[in-house]
């Protein structure tokens, strides 16, 4: 998979963690999202972690990579999260 333009190695931009697990991360400014601070995807285990601006974090299990990719392309991450992730995938609050 080719990295998206805003997903570069950490040395270039802080939206991609290039590690053994190849964890993908995208942070959102206040202008980009009023509720979501960051999403992280762990392809090897299909986990999606969502951090909200209020500080709470949730892990969603068995999320296909395509869903993460679609989230990156969404006009509104909040709307995408509400309709395509929340209540669709099993989740647990992690903080």
N, C-alpha and C. Protein backbone atom coordinates (compact mmCIF):
# COMPACT_ATOMS: atom_id res chain seq x y z
N UNK A 1 0.84 -1.18 0.00
CA UNK A 1 0.00 0.00 0.00
C UNK A 1 0.89 1.24 0.00
N UNK A 2 0.62 2.14 -0.88
CA UNK A 2 1.34 3.41 -0.93
C UNK A 2 0.82 4.33 0.16
N UNK A 3 1.72 5.01 0.89
CA UNK A 3 1.23 5.93 1.93
C UNK A 3 0.49 7.09 1.30
N UNK A 4 -0.56 7.53 1.96
CA UNK A 4 -1.28 8.71 1.51
C UNK A 4 -0.38 9.93 1.72
N UNK A 5 -0.68 11.02 1.02
CA UNK A 5 0.17 12.21 1.08
C UNK A 5 0.41 12.71 2.49
N UNK A 6 -0.60 12.62 3.36
CA UNK A 6 -0.42 13.14 4.71
C UNK A 6 0.02 12.07 5.69
N UNK A 7 0.36 10.89 5.20
CA UNK A 7 0.90 9.83 6.04
C UNK A 7 2.34 9.58 5.62
N UNK A 8 3.25 10.25 6.26
CA UNK A 8 4.67 10.16 5.94
C UNK A 8 5.41 9.61 7.15
N UNK A 9 6.63 9.10 6.96
CA UNK A 9 7.41 8.67 8.11
C UNK A 9 7.55 9.82 9.12
N UNK A 10 7.65 9.48 10.38
CA UNK A 10 7.68 10.48 11.45
C UNK A 10 8.71 11.56 11.20
N UNK A 11 9.85 11.21 10.65
CA UNK A 11 10.89 12.21 10.40
C UNK A 11 10.40 13.30 9.46
N UNK A 12 9.47 12.96 8.56
CA UNK A 12 8.95 13.94 7.62
C UNK A 12 7.70 14.64 8.14
N UNK A 13 6.84 13.89 8.80
CA UNK A 13 5.59 14.43 9.28
C UNK A 13 5.07 13.52 10.38
N UNK A 14 4.48 14.06 11.42
CA UNK A 14 4.10 13.26 12.57
C UNK A 14 2.76 12.55 12.42
N UNK A 15 2.39 12.14 11.23
CA UNK A 15 1.13 11.43 11.04
C UNK A 15 1.34 9.97 10.66
N UNK A 16 2.55 9.46 10.82
CA UNK A 16 2.79 8.07 10.51
C UNK A 16 3.88 7.56 11.44
N UNK A 17 3.61 6.44 12.10
CA UNK A 17 4.62 5.83 12.95
C UNK A 17 5.18 4.67 12.17
N UNK A 18 6.43 4.75 11.76
CA UNK A 18 7.06 3.71 10.98
C UNK A 18 7.81 2.79 11.93
N UNK A 19 7.14 1.75 12.40
CA UNK A 19 7.76 0.83 13.34
C UNK A 19 7.57 -0.59 12.84
N UNK A 20 8.01 -1.56 13.62
CA UNK A 20 7.84 -2.96 13.25
C UNK A 20 6.37 -3.29 13.02
N UNK A 21 5.47 -2.71 13.79
CA UNK A 21 4.05 -3.00 13.65
C UNK A 21 3.39 -2.18 12.54
N UNK A 22 4.13 -1.24 11.98
CA UNK A 22 3.61 -0.37 10.92
C UNK A 22 2.30 0.29 11.32
N UNK A 23 2.27 0.82 12.51
CA UNK A 23 1.10 1.52 13.01
C UNK A 23 0.90 2.81 12.22
N UNK A 24 -0.34 3.05 11.79
CA UNK A 24 -0.68 4.26 11.05
C UNK A 24 -1.40 5.20 12.00
N UNK A 25 -1.06 6.48 11.92
CA UNK A 25 -1.67 7.46 12.82
C UNK A 25 -1.97 8.74 12.05
N UNK A 26 -3.12 9.30 12.33
CA UNK A 26 -3.51 10.59 11.75
C UNK A 26 -4.06 11.46 12.86
N UNK A 27 -3.49 12.64 13.03
CA UNK A 27 -3.97 13.61 14.01
C UNK A 27 -4.81 14.66 13.31
N UNK A 28 -5.75 15.24 14.05
CA UNK A 28 -6.66 16.23 13.48
C UNK A 28 -6.58 17.53 14.28
N UNK A 29 -6.50 18.64 13.58
CA UNK A 29 -6.52 19.95 14.22
C UNK A 29 -7.96 20.29 14.60
N UNK A 30 -8.13 21.34 15.38
CA UNK A 30 -9.48 21.79 15.75
C UNK A 30 -10.29 22.18 14.52
N UNK A 31 -9.61 22.69 13.49
CA UNK A 31 -10.31 23.07 12.26
C UNK A 31 -10.77 21.84 11.49
N UNK A 32 -10.04 20.74 11.60
CA UNK A 32 -10.39 19.51 10.87
C UNK A 32 -11.47 18.71 11.57
N UNK A 33 -11.50 18.75 12.90
CA UNK A 33 -12.49 17.99 13.65
C UNK A 33 -12.71 18.64 15.01
N UNK A 34 -13.96 18.77 15.37
CA UNK A 34 -14.26 19.36 16.68
C UNK A 34 -14.27 18.30 17.78
N UNK A 35 -14.26 17.03 17.41
CA UNK A 35 -14.40 15.97 18.40
C UNK A 35 -13.25 14.95 18.40
N UNK A 36 -12.75 14.59 17.22
CA UNK A 36 -11.72 13.55 17.11
C UNK A 36 -10.33 14.19 17.10
N UNK A 37 -9.47 13.75 18.01
CA UNK A 37 -8.10 14.25 18.07
C UNK A 37 -7.17 13.42 17.19
N UNK A 38 -7.34 12.08 17.23
CA UNK A 38 -6.40 11.21 16.53
C UNK A 38 -7.01 9.84 16.28
N UNK A 39 -6.62 9.23 15.17
CA UNK A 39 -6.95 7.83 14.93
C UNK A 39 -5.65 7.09 14.66
N UNK A 40 -5.56 5.87 15.18
CA UNK A 40 -4.40 5.01 14.97
C UNK A 40 -4.90 3.67 14.47
N UNK A 41 -4.18 3.11 13.51
CA UNK A 41 -4.58 1.81 12.98
C UNK A 41 -3.41 0.84 13.08
N UNK A 42 -3.71 -0.36 13.55
CA UNK A 42 -2.73 -1.41 13.74
C UNK A 42 -3.08 -2.55 12.78
N UNK A 43 -2.51 -2.54 11.57
CA UNK A 43 -2.90 -3.49 10.53
C UNK A 43 -2.72 -4.96 10.92
N UNK A 44 -1.70 -5.28 11.67
CA UNK A 44 -1.44 -6.68 11.98
C UNK A 44 -2.53 -7.31 12.83
N UNK A 45 -3.25 -6.50 13.61
CA UNK A 45 -4.32 -7.01 14.47
C UNK A 45 -5.68 -6.39 14.16
N UNK A 46 -5.73 -5.50 13.16
CA UNK A 46 -6.97 -4.83 12.72
C UNK A 46 -7.64 -4.06 13.85
N UNK A 47 -6.84 -3.36 14.63
CA UNK A 47 -7.37 -2.52 15.70
C UNK A 47 -7.32 -1.07 15.26
N UNK A 48 -8.39 -0.35 15.54
CA UNK A 48 -8.45 1.09 15.30
C UNK A 48 -8.65 1.75 16.65
N UNK A 49 -7.73 2.64 17.02
CA UNK A 49 -7.87 3.39 18.27
C UNK A 49 -8.23 4.82 17.92
N UNK A 50 -9.26 5.31 18.62
CA UNK A 50 -9.75 6.67 18.39
C UNK A 50 -9.58 7.45 19.69
N UNK A 51 -8.90 8.59 19.59
CA UNK A 51 -8.73 9.48 20.74
C UNK A 51 -9.57 10.72 20.49
N UNK A 52 -10.40 11.05 21.45
CA UNK A 52 -11.27 12.22 21.32
C UNK A 52 -10.65 13.42 22.00
N UNK A 53 -11.10 14.60 21.61
CA UNK A 53 -10.53 15.85 22.15
C UNK A 53 -10.68 15.93 23.66
N UNK A 54 -11.71 15.30 24.22
CA UNK A 54 -11.90 15.28 25.67
C UNK A 54 -10.95 14.36 26.40
N UNK A 55 -10.18 13.55 25.64
CA UNK A 55 -9.18 12.68 26.24
C UNK A 55 -9.54 11.21 26.29
N UNK A 56 -10.80 10.86 26.08
CA UNK A 56 -11.15 9.44 26.13
C UNK A 56 -10.64 8.73 24.87
N UNK A 57 -10.29 7.44 25.06
CA UNK A 57 -9.77 6.62 23.95
C UNK A 57 -10.56 5.32 23.88
N UNK A 58 -10.84 4.91 22.67
CA UNK A 58 -11.55 3.65 22.43
C UNK A 58 -10.79 2.83 21.40
N UNK A 59 -10.82 1.53 21.60
CA UNK A 59 -10.23 0.61 20.63
C UNK A 59 -11.35 -0.16 19.96
N UNK A 60 -11.37 -0.14 18.64
CA UNK A 60 -12.34 -0.87 17.84
C UNK A 60 -11.64 -2.06 17.21
N UNK A 61 -12.26 -3.24 17.32
CA UNK A 61 -11.61 -4.49 16.90
C UNK A 61 -12.13 -4.98 15.56
N UNK A 62 -11.27 -5.70 14.85
CA UNK A 62 -11.60 -6.32 13.56
C UNK A 62 -12.01 -5.30 12.50
N UNK A 63 -11.35 -4.16 12.51
CA UNK A 63 -11.64 -3.09 11.53
C UNK A 63 -10.74 -3.31 10.31
N UNK A 64 -11.32 -3.49 9.14
CA UNK A 64 -10.50 -3.68 7.93
C UNK A 64 -9.70 -2.41 7.60
N UNK A 65 -8.57 -2.61 6.98
CA UNK A 65 -7.71 -1.49 6.55
C UNK A 65 -8.48 -0.53 5.65
N UNK A 66 -9.38 -1.05 4.85
CA UNK A 66 -10.15 -0.20 3.93
C UNK A 66 -10.97 0.85 4.68
N UNK A 67 -11.47 0.47 5.85
CA UNK A 67 -12.26 1.42 6.65
C UNK A 67 -11.36 2.55 7.15
N UNK A 68 -10.15 2.21 7.60
CA UNK A 68 -9.20 3.25 8.01
C UNK A 68 -8.88 4.17 6.82
N UNK A 69 -8.62 3.57 5.66
CA UNK A 69 -8.32 4.37 4.47
C UNK A 69 -9.48 5.30 4.11
N UNK A 70 -10.70 4.79 4.22
CA UNK A 70 -11.88 5.62 3.94
C UNK A 70 -12.00 6.76 4.94
N UNK A 71 -11.65 6.48 6.19
CA UNK A 71 -11.69 7.53 7.22
C UNK A 71 -10.74 8.67 6.87
N UNK A 72 -9.57 8.32 6.32
CA UNK A 72 -8.60 9.34 5.94
C UNK A 72 -9.13 10.23 4.81
N UNK A 73 -9.95 9.66 3.95
CA UNK A 73 -10.48 10.39 2.81
C UNK A 73 -11.80 11.09 3.09
N UNK A 74 -12.37 10.84 4.27
CA UNK A 74 -13.69 11.39 4.60
C UNK A 74 -13.65 12.91 4.69
N UNK A 75 -14.70 13.55 4.24
CA UNK A 75 -14.83 15.00 4.36
C UNK A 75 -14.92 15.39 5.83
N UNK A 76 -15.65 14.58 6.62
CA UNK A 76 -15.79 14.82 8.05
C UNK A 76 -15.47 13.54 8.79
N UNK A 77 -14.38 13.53 9.56
CA UNK A 77 -14.02 12.33 10.32
C UNK A 77 -15.08 12.02 11.37
N UNK A 78 -15.68 13.03 11.95
CA UNK A 78 -16.71 12.81 12.96
C UNK A 78 -17.94 12.12 12.39
N UNK A 79 -18.39 12.58 11.24
CA UNK A 79 -19.55 11.97 10.58
C UNK A 79 -19.22 10.56 10.13
N UNK A 80 -18.03 10.38 9.58
CA UNK A 80 -17.62 9.04 9.15
C UNK A 80 -17.57 8.10 10.35
N UNK A 81 -16.96 8.55 11.43
CA UNK A 81 -16.87 7.74 12.64
C UNK A 81 -18.27 7.32 13.12
N UNK A 82 -19.18 8.28 13.18
CA UNK A 82 -20.53 8.00 13.68
C UNK A 82 -21.28 6.99 12.81
N UNK A 83 -21.10 7.07 11.50
CA UNK A 83 -21.89 6.22 10.61
C UNK A 83 -21.20 4.91 10.22
N UNK A 84 -19.88 4.87 10.22
CA UNK A 84 -19.17 3.70 9.70
C UNK A 84 -18.37 2.91 10.73
N UNK A 85 -18.17 3.47 11.93
CA UNK A 85 -17.34 2.78 12.93
C UNK A 85 -18.10 2.56 14.23
N UNK A 86 -18.61 3.63 14.79
CA UNK A 86 -19.35 3.54 16.06
C UNK A 86 -20.56 2.63 15.89
N UNK A 87 -20.74 1.74 16.81
CA UNK A 87 -21.84 0.77 16.82
C UNK A 87 -21.76 -0.26 15.70
N UNK A 88 -20.71 -0.20 14.87
CA UNK A 88 -20.52 -1.19 13.81
C UNK A 88 -19.51 -2.24 14.27
N UNK A 89 -18.44 -1.77 14.91
CA UNK A 89 -17.37 -2.66 15.36
C UNK A 89 -17.36 -2.73 16.88
N UNK A 90 -17.02 -3.90 17.39
CA UNK A 90 -16.91 -4.10 18.84
C UNK A 90 -15.83 -3.16 19.37
N UNK A 91 -16.10 -2.52 20.50
CA UNK A 91 -15.12 -1.59 21.05
C UNK A 91 -15.00 -1.73 22.55
N UNK A 92 -13.90 -1.18 23.05
CA UNK A 92 -13.68 -1.10 24.48
C UNK A 92 -13.02 0.23 24.79
N UNK A 93 -13.42 0.83 25.90
CA UNK A 93 -12.80 2.08 26.33
C UNK A 93 -11.47 1.73 26.94
N UNK A 94 -10.41 2.43 26.51
CA UNK A 94 -9.08 2.13 27.03
C UNK A 94 -8.54 3.21 27.94
N UNK A 95 -9.10 4.39 27.93
CA UNK A 95 -8.76 5.43 28.91
C UNK A 95 -9.94 6.37 29.05
